[in-house]
Amino acid sequence: MSGGEEAPDKHGPLTLTPPLRSSMRTARG
């Protein structure tokens, strides 16, 4: 289940670390 692990991995840190979410949001858009 490589795909299943990759999905949560991307959303995992985003939800676990609030500061990372802001950084990612800026990088995304």
N, C-alpha and C. Protein backbone atom coordinates (compact mmCIF):
# COMPACT_ATOMS: atom_id res chain seq x y z
N MET A 1 0.85 -1.21 0.00
CA MET A 1 0.00 0.00 0.00
C MET A 1 0.88 1.26 0.00
N SER A 2 1.67 1.42 -1.01
CA SER A 2 2.57 2.57 -1.07
C SER A 2 1.76 3.86 -1.25
N GLY A 3 0.79 3.80 -2.15
CA GLY A 3 -0.03 5.00 -2.42
C GLY A 3 -0.76 5.45 -1.17
N GLY A 4 -1.31 4.49 -0.42
CA GLY A 4 -2.06 4.83 0.80
C GLY A 4 -1.16 5.54 1.79
N GLU A 5 0.10 5.13 1.84
CA GLU A 5 1.02 5.75 2.80
C GLU A 5 1.45 7.14 2.33
N GLU A 6 1.49 7.32 1.03
CA GLU A 6 1.92 8.61 0.49
C GLU A 6 0.86 9.69 0.72
N ALA A 7 -0.40 9.27 0.64
CA ALA A 7 -1.51 10.23 0.81
C ALA A 7 -1.48 10.86 2.21
N PRO A 8 -1.49 10.04 3.26
CA PRO A 8 -1.48 10.57 4.63
C PRO A 8 -0.17 11.29 4.95
N ASP A 9 0.90 10.85 4.31
CA ASP A 9 2.20 11.46 4.56
C ASP A 9 2.17 12.95 4.20
N LYS A 10 1.50 13.26 3.10
CA LYS A 10 1.44 14.66 2.65
C LYS A 10 0.50 15.47 3.54
N HIS A 11 -0.58 14.84 3.96
CA HIS A 11 -1.56 15.55 4.81
C HIS A 11 -1.22 15.39 6.28
N GLY A 12 -0.41 14.38 6.59
CA GLY A 12 -0.04 14.13 7.99
C GLY A 12 0.68 15.32 8.59
N PRO A 13 1.84 15.69 8.02
CA PRO A 13 2.64 16.81 8.55
C PRO A 13 1.85 18.11 8.51
N LEU A 14 0.99 18.25 7.51
CA LEU A 14 0.22 19.50 7.37
C LEU A 14 -0.72 19.66 8.56
N THR A 15 -1.31 18.55 8.98
CA THR A 15 -2.28 18.61 10.09
C THR A 15 -1.56 18.53 11.43
N LEU A 16 -0.41 17.86 11.44
CA LEU A 16 0.34 17.70 12.69
C LEU A 16 1.05 19.00 13.05
N THR A 17 1.62 19.66 12.04
CA THR A 17 2.35 20.90 12.31
C THR A 17 1.61 22.09 11.69
N PRO A 18 1.03 22.93 12.51
CA PRO A 18 0.30 24.11 12.05
C PRO A 18 1.21 25.08 11.30
N PRO A 19 2.44 25.30 11.78
CA PRO A 19 3.37 26.20 11.10
C PRO A 19 3.74 25.69 9.71
N LEU A 20 3.86 24.37 9.60
CA LEU A 20 4.22 23.77 8.30
C LEU A 20 3.08 24.00 7.31
N ARG A 21 1.86 23.94 7.80
CA ARG A 21 0.69 24.11 6.95
C ARG A 21 0.73 25.49 6.28
N SER A 22 1.05 26.49 7.05
CA SER A 22 1.11 27.85 6.52
C SER A 22 2.21 27.93 5.45
N SER A 23 3.35 27.33 5.74
CA SER A 23 4.48 27.36 4.81
C SER A 23 4.10 26.64 3.52
N MET A 24 3.46 25.49 3.66
CA MET A 24 3.06 24.70 2.49
C MET A 24 2.01 25.45 1.68
N ARG A 25 1.08 26.08 2.37
CA ARG A 25 0.00 26.80 1.69
C ARG A 25 0.60 27.91 0.81
N THR A 26 1.60 28.57 1.34
CA THR A 26 2.23 29.67 0.59
C THR A 26 2.99 29.11 -0.62
N ALA A 27 3.64 27.97 -0.41
CA ALA A 27 4.42 27.37 -1.50
C ALA A 27 3.48 26.81 -2.56
N ARG A 28 2.33 26.31 -2.10
CA ARG A 28 1.38 25.70 -3.05
C ARG A 28 0.77 26.79 -3.94
N GLY A 29 0.38 27.89 -3.33
CA GLY A 29 -0.28 28.92 -4.12
C GLY A 29 0.23 30.29 -3.76
